[in-house]
Amino acid sequence: MLERLPEAKGVLVTAGALGSAYCFRGPGGKQDLAGRVPVLRVSVQDTTGAGDAYLAGFLFVMVQARRPPGRPRCRATPRASVPARG
């Protein structure tokens, strides 16, 4: 995906019940960090704002932990991001 977007520093793709995938460039512009965030099955009550909440959770973990979610302290629900405790 990054090769199609030469100006992008990173890409986050959400895939609902399949989780999400990300890819970021490192110094020099080469792909440096890529992975998937698995899904944690939950009972969904309301999806209002779920995409915004997921992105906020993903970015929070990236900034706070200096690593993407899923390595290994965050799992994704189909409509939200839930930091795992541990």
N, C-alpha and C. Protein backbone atom coordinates (compact mmCIF):
# COMPACT_ATOMS: atom_id res chain seq x y z
N MET A 1 0.81 -1.19 0.00
CA MET A 1 0.00 0.00 0.00
C MET A 1 0.86 1.26 0.00
N LEU A 2 1.94 1.26 0.76
CA LEU A 2 2.78 2.45 0.81
C LEU A 2 3.39 2.80 -0.55
N GLU A 3 3.66 1.80 -1.37
CA GLU A 3 4.25 2.09 -2.68
C GLU A 3 3.26 2.86 -3.56
N ARG A 4 1.96 2.74 -3.30
CA ARG A 4 0.95 3.49 -4.05
C ARG A 4 0.79 4.91 -3.54
N LEU A 5 1.30 5.18 -2.36
CA LEU A 5 1.15 6.50 -1.73
C LEU A 5 2.53 7.02 -1.34
N PRO A 6 3.31 7.49 -2.30
CA PRO A 6 4.70 7.87 -2.02
C PRO A 6 4.86 9.00 -1.01
N GLU A 7 3.84 9.84 -0.82
CA GLU A 7 3.93 10.95 0.13
C GLU A 7 3.51 10.55 1.54
N ALA A 8 2.86 9.38 1.69
CA ALA A 8 2.34 8.95 3.00
C ALA A 8 3.46 8.43 3.89
N LYS A 9 3.38 8.77 5.15
CA LYS A 9 4.33 8.24 6.14
C LYS A 9 3.83 6.95 6.75
N GLY A 10 2.53 6.70 6.60
CA GLY A 10 1.96 5.48 7.15
C GLY A 10 0.55 5.27 6.66
N VAL A 11 0.09 4.04 6.81
CA VAL A 11 -1.26 3.66 6.39
C VAL A 11 -1.85 2.76 7.46
N LEU A 12 -3.12 3.00 7.80
CA LEU A 12 -3.88 2.15 8.71
C LEU A 12 -5.14 1.74 7.97
N VAL A 13 -5.35 0.44 7.81
CA VAL A 13 -6.52 -0.07 7.11
C VAL A 13 -7.34 -0.87 8.11
N THR A 14 -8.62 -0.50 8.26
CA THR A 14 -9.50 -1.26 9.15
C THR A 14 -10.33 -2.22 8.31
N ALA A 15 -10.59 -3.40 8.86
CA ALA A 15 -11.31 -4.43 8.13
C ALA A 15 -12.39 -5.08 8.99
N GLY A 16 -13.06 -4.27 9.82
CA GLY A 16 -14.17 -4.78 10.63
C GLY A 16 -13.78 -5.99 11.46
N ALA A 17 -14.52 -7.07 11.29
CA ALA A 17 -14.32 -8.28 12.08
C ALA A 17 -12.97 -8.95 11.81
N LEU A 18 -12.26 -8.52 10.78
CA LEU A 18 -10.94 -9.09 10.47
C LEU A 18 -9.81 -8.34 11.18
N GLY A 19 -10.14 -7.26 11.89
CA GLY A 19 -9.11 -6.48 12.58
C GLY A 19 -8.61 -5.35 11.70
N SER A 20 -7.36 -4.99 11.87
CA SER A 20 -6.79 -3.92 11.06
C SER A 20 -5.33 -4.22 10.76
N ALA A 21 -4.79 -3.50 9.80
CA ALA A 21 -3.39 -3.65 9.42
C ALA A 21 -2.78 -2.27 9.27
N TYR A 22 -1.48 -2.17 9.53
CA TYR A 22 -0.80 -0.89 9.44
C TYR A 22 0.57 -1.09 8.81
N CYS A 23 1.08 0.00 8.28
CA CYS A 23 2.41 0.01 7.68
C CYS A 23 2.94 1.44 7.77
N PHE A 24 4.17 1.62 8.27
CA PHE A 24 4.76 2.93 8.42
C PHE A 24 6.15 2.95 7.83
N ARG A 25 6.53 4.11 7.32
CA ARG A 25 7.88 4.31 6.80
C ARG A 25 8.80 4.70 7.95
N GLY A 26 10.03 4.29 7.84
CA GLY A 26 11.05 4.70 8.78
C GLY A 26 11.89 5.80 8.16
N PRO A 27 12.97 6.17 8.85
CA PRO A 27 13.89 7.15 8.27
C PRO A 27 14.40 6.65 6.92
N GLY A 28 14.47 7.51 5.96
CA GLY A 28 14.91 7.10 4.63
C GLY A 28 13.77 6.71 3.72
N GLY A 29 12.54 6.62 4.24
CA GLY A 29 11.38 6.34 3.41
C GLY A 29 11.05 4.89 3.15
N LYS A 30 11.86 3.96 3.62
CA LYS A 30 11.58 2.53 3.41
C LYS A 30 10.58 2.04 4.45
N GLN A 31 9.80 0.99 4.08
CA GLN A 31 8.88 0.40 5.04
C GLN A 31 9.65 -0.09 6.25
N ASP A 32 9.23 0.35 7.41
CA ASP A 32 9.96 0.06 8.64
C ASP A 32 9.14 -0.77 9.62
N LEU A 33 7.84 -0.53 9.65
CA LEU A 33 7.00 -1.14 10.67
C LEU A 33 5.68 -1.54 10.03
N ALA A 34 5.33 -2.80 10.14
CA ALA A 34 4.07 -3.27 9.58
C ALA A 34 3.53 -4.38 10.46
N GLY A 35 2.23 -4.51 10.50
CA GLY A 35 1.63 -5.58 11.30
C GLY A 35 0.12 -5.54 11.24
N ARG A 36 -0.46 -6.39 12.08
CA ARG A 36 -1.91 -6.50 12.17
C ARG A 36 -2.34 -6.35 13.61
N VAL A 37 -3.54 -5.83 13.81
CA VAL A 37 -4.15 -5.76 15.13
C VAL A 37 -5.32 -6.74 15.11
N PRO A 38 -5.25 -7.82 15.92
CA PRO A 38 -6.31 -8.82 15.89
C PRO A 38 -7.60 -8.32 16.54
N VAL A 39 -8.66 -9.04 16.33
CA VAL A 39 -9.97 -8.69 16.87
C VAL A 39 -10.20 -9.41 18.20
N LEU A 40 -10.79 -8.69 19.13
CA LEU A 40 -11.26 -9.26 20.39
C LEU A 40 -12.77 -9.30 20.29
N ARG A 41 -13.36 -10.47 20.35
CA ARG A 41 -14.81 -10.62 20.19
C ARG A 41 -15.54 -10.05 21.40
N VAL A 42 -16.50 -9.17 21.13
CA VAL A 42 -17.32 -8.57 22.18
C VAL A 42 -18.75 -8.44 21.67
N SER A 43 -19.66 -8.19 22.59
CA SER A 43 -21.04 -7.93 22.22
C SER A 43 -21.17 -6.44 21.93
N VAL A 44 -21.50 -6.09 20.70
CA VAL A 44 -21.60 -4.69 20.29
C VAL A 44 -22.96 -4.14 20.68
N GLN A 45 -22.96 -3.02 21.39
CA GLN A 45 -24.21 -2.38 21.81
C GLN A 45 -24.57 -1.20 20.92
N ASP A 46 -23.58 -0.40 20.55
CA ASP A 46 -23.83 0.81 19.77
C ASP A 46 -22.55 1.15 19.01
N THR A 47 -22.64 1.38 17.72
CA THR A 47 -21.44 1.66 16.92
C THR A 47 -21.22 3.15 16.67
N THR A 48 -22.03 4.00 17.29
CA THR A 48 -21.88 5.45 17.09
C THR A 48 -20.48 5.90 17.52
N GLY A 49 -19.75 6.51 16.61
CA GLY A 49 -18.42 7.02 16.92
C GLY A 49 -17.34 5.95 17.02
N ALA A 50 -17.66 4.72 16.64
CA ALA A 50 -16.71 3.62 16.81
C ALA A 50 -15.44 3.81 16.00
N GLY A 51 -15.56 4.29 14.78
CA GLY A 51 -14.36 4.50 13.95
C GLY A 51 -13.46 5.56 14.53
N ASP A 52 -14.05 6.64 15.01
CA ASP A 52 -13.27 7.71 15.65
C ASP A 52 -12.59 7.19 16.91
N ALA A 53 -13.33 6.40 17.70
CA ALA A 53 -12.77 5.85 18.94
C ALA A 53 -11.62 4.89 18.63
N TYR A 54 -11.77 4.09 17.58
CA TYR A 54 -10.71 3.16 17.21
C TYR A 54 -9.44 3.91 16.83
N LEU A 55 -9.59 4.92 15.96
CA LEU A 55 -8.43 5.69 15.53
C LEU A 55 -7.78 6.40 16.71
N ALA A 56 -8.58 6.97 17.60
CA ALA A 56 -8.03 7.63 18.79
C ALA A 56 -7.26 6.64 19.65
N GLY A 57 -7.80 5.45 19.85
CA GLY A 57 -7.10 4.43 20.64
C GLY A 57 -5.81 3.98 19.98
N PHE A 58 -5.84 3.78 18.68
CA PHE A 58 -4.65 3.37 17.94
C PHE A 58 -3.55 4.43 18.08
N LEU A 59 -3.92 5.69 17.83
CA LEU A 59 -2.93 6.77 17.93
C LEU A 59 -2.43 6.96 19.36
N PHE A 60 -3.30 6.80 20.35
CA PHE A 60 -2.89 6.92 21.74
C PHE A 60 -1.81 5.90 22.07
N VAL A 61 -2.04 4.65 21.68
CA VAL A 61 -1.06 3.59 21.95
C VAL A 61 0.24 3.88 21.21
N MET A 62 0.13 4.35 19.96
CA MET A 62 1.34 4.67 19.20
C MET A 62 2.17 5.75 19.90
N VAL A 63 1.51 6.78 20.40
CA VAL A 63 2.22 7.89 21.05
C VAL A 63 2.73 7.49 22.43
N GLN A 64 1.90 6.84 23.23
CA GLN A 64 2.27 6.50 24.60
C GLN A 64 3.31 5.38 24.66
N ALA A 65 3.12 4.34 23.89
CA ALA A 65 3.99 3.17 23.97
C ALA A 65 5.11 3.21 22.93
N ARG A 66 5.04 4.16 22.00
CA ARG A 66 6.00 4.27 20.90
C ARG A 66 6.10 2.98 20.10
N ARG A 67 4.95 2.32 20.00
CA ARG A 67 4.83 1.13 19.15
C ARG A 67 3.36 1.01 18.75
N PRO A 68 3.07 0.36 17.64
CA PRO A 68 1.68 0.22 17.22
C PRO A 68 0.92 -0.74 18.11
N PRO A 69 -0.40 -0.60 18.17
CA PRO A 69 -1.21 -1.58 18.89
C PRO A 69 -0.99 -2.97 18.33
N GLY A 70 -1.14 -3.96 19.17
CA GLY A 70 -0.96 -5.33 18.72
C GLY A 70 0.46 -5.82 18.92
N ARG A 71 1.34 -5.00 19.48
CA ARG A 71 2.73 -5.39 19.74
C ARG A 71 3.07 -5.20 21.19
N PRO A 72 2.66 -5.99 22.09
CA PRO A 72 1.54 -6.92 22.10
C PRO A 72 0.41 -6.44 22.97
N ARG A 73 0.35 -5.18 23.38
CA ARG A 73 -0.56 -4.77 24.44
C ARG A 73 -1.90 -4.18 24.00
N CYS A 74 -2.33 -4.37 22.79
CA CYS A 74 -3.62 -3.82 22.38
C CYS A 74 -4.29 -4.77 21.40
N ARG A 75 -5.58 -4.95 21.57
CA ARG A 75 -6.36 -5.76 20.65
C ARG A 75 -7.50 -4.91 20.13
N ALA A 76 -7.99 -5.25 18.96
CA ALA A 76 -9.09 -4.48 18.38
C ALA A 76 -10.38 -5.27 18.46
N THR A 77 -11.47 -4.59 18.74
CA THR A 77 -12.79 -5.18 18.58
C THR A 77 -13.23 -4.82 17.17
N PRO A 78 -14.28 -5.42 16.66
CA PRO A 78 -14.69 -5.05 15.31
C PRO A 78 -15.00 -3.57 15.15
N ARG A 79 -15.32 -2.85 16.23
CA ARG A 79 -15.70 -1.46 16.09
C ARG A 79 -15.02 -0.55 17.10
N ALA A 80 -13.99 -1.01 17.77
CA ALA A 80 -13.31 -0.15 18.75
C ALA A 80 -11.96 -0.74 19.10
N SER A 81 -11.10 0.05 19.73
CA SER A 81 -9.80 -0.43 20.19
C SER A 81 -9.84 -0.50 21.71
N VAL A 82 -9.39 -1.62 22.25
CA VAL A 82 -9.41 -1.81 23.69
C VAL A 82 -8.01 -2.15 24.17
N PRO A 83 -7.33 -1.22 24.85
CA PRO A 83 -6.00 -1.55 25.38
C PRO A 83 -6.10 -2.69 26.40
N ALA A 84 -5.27 -3.69 26.24
CA ALA A 84 -5.24 -4.80 27.18
C ALA A 84 -4.39 -4.41 28.39
N ARG A 85 -4.77 -4.90 29.53
CA ARG A 85 -4.01 -4.60 30.75
C ARG A 85 -2.99 -5.70 30.97
N GLY A 86 -1.86 -5.31 31.49
CA GLY A 86 -0.88 -6.36 31.77
C GLY A 86 0.53 -5.89 31.79
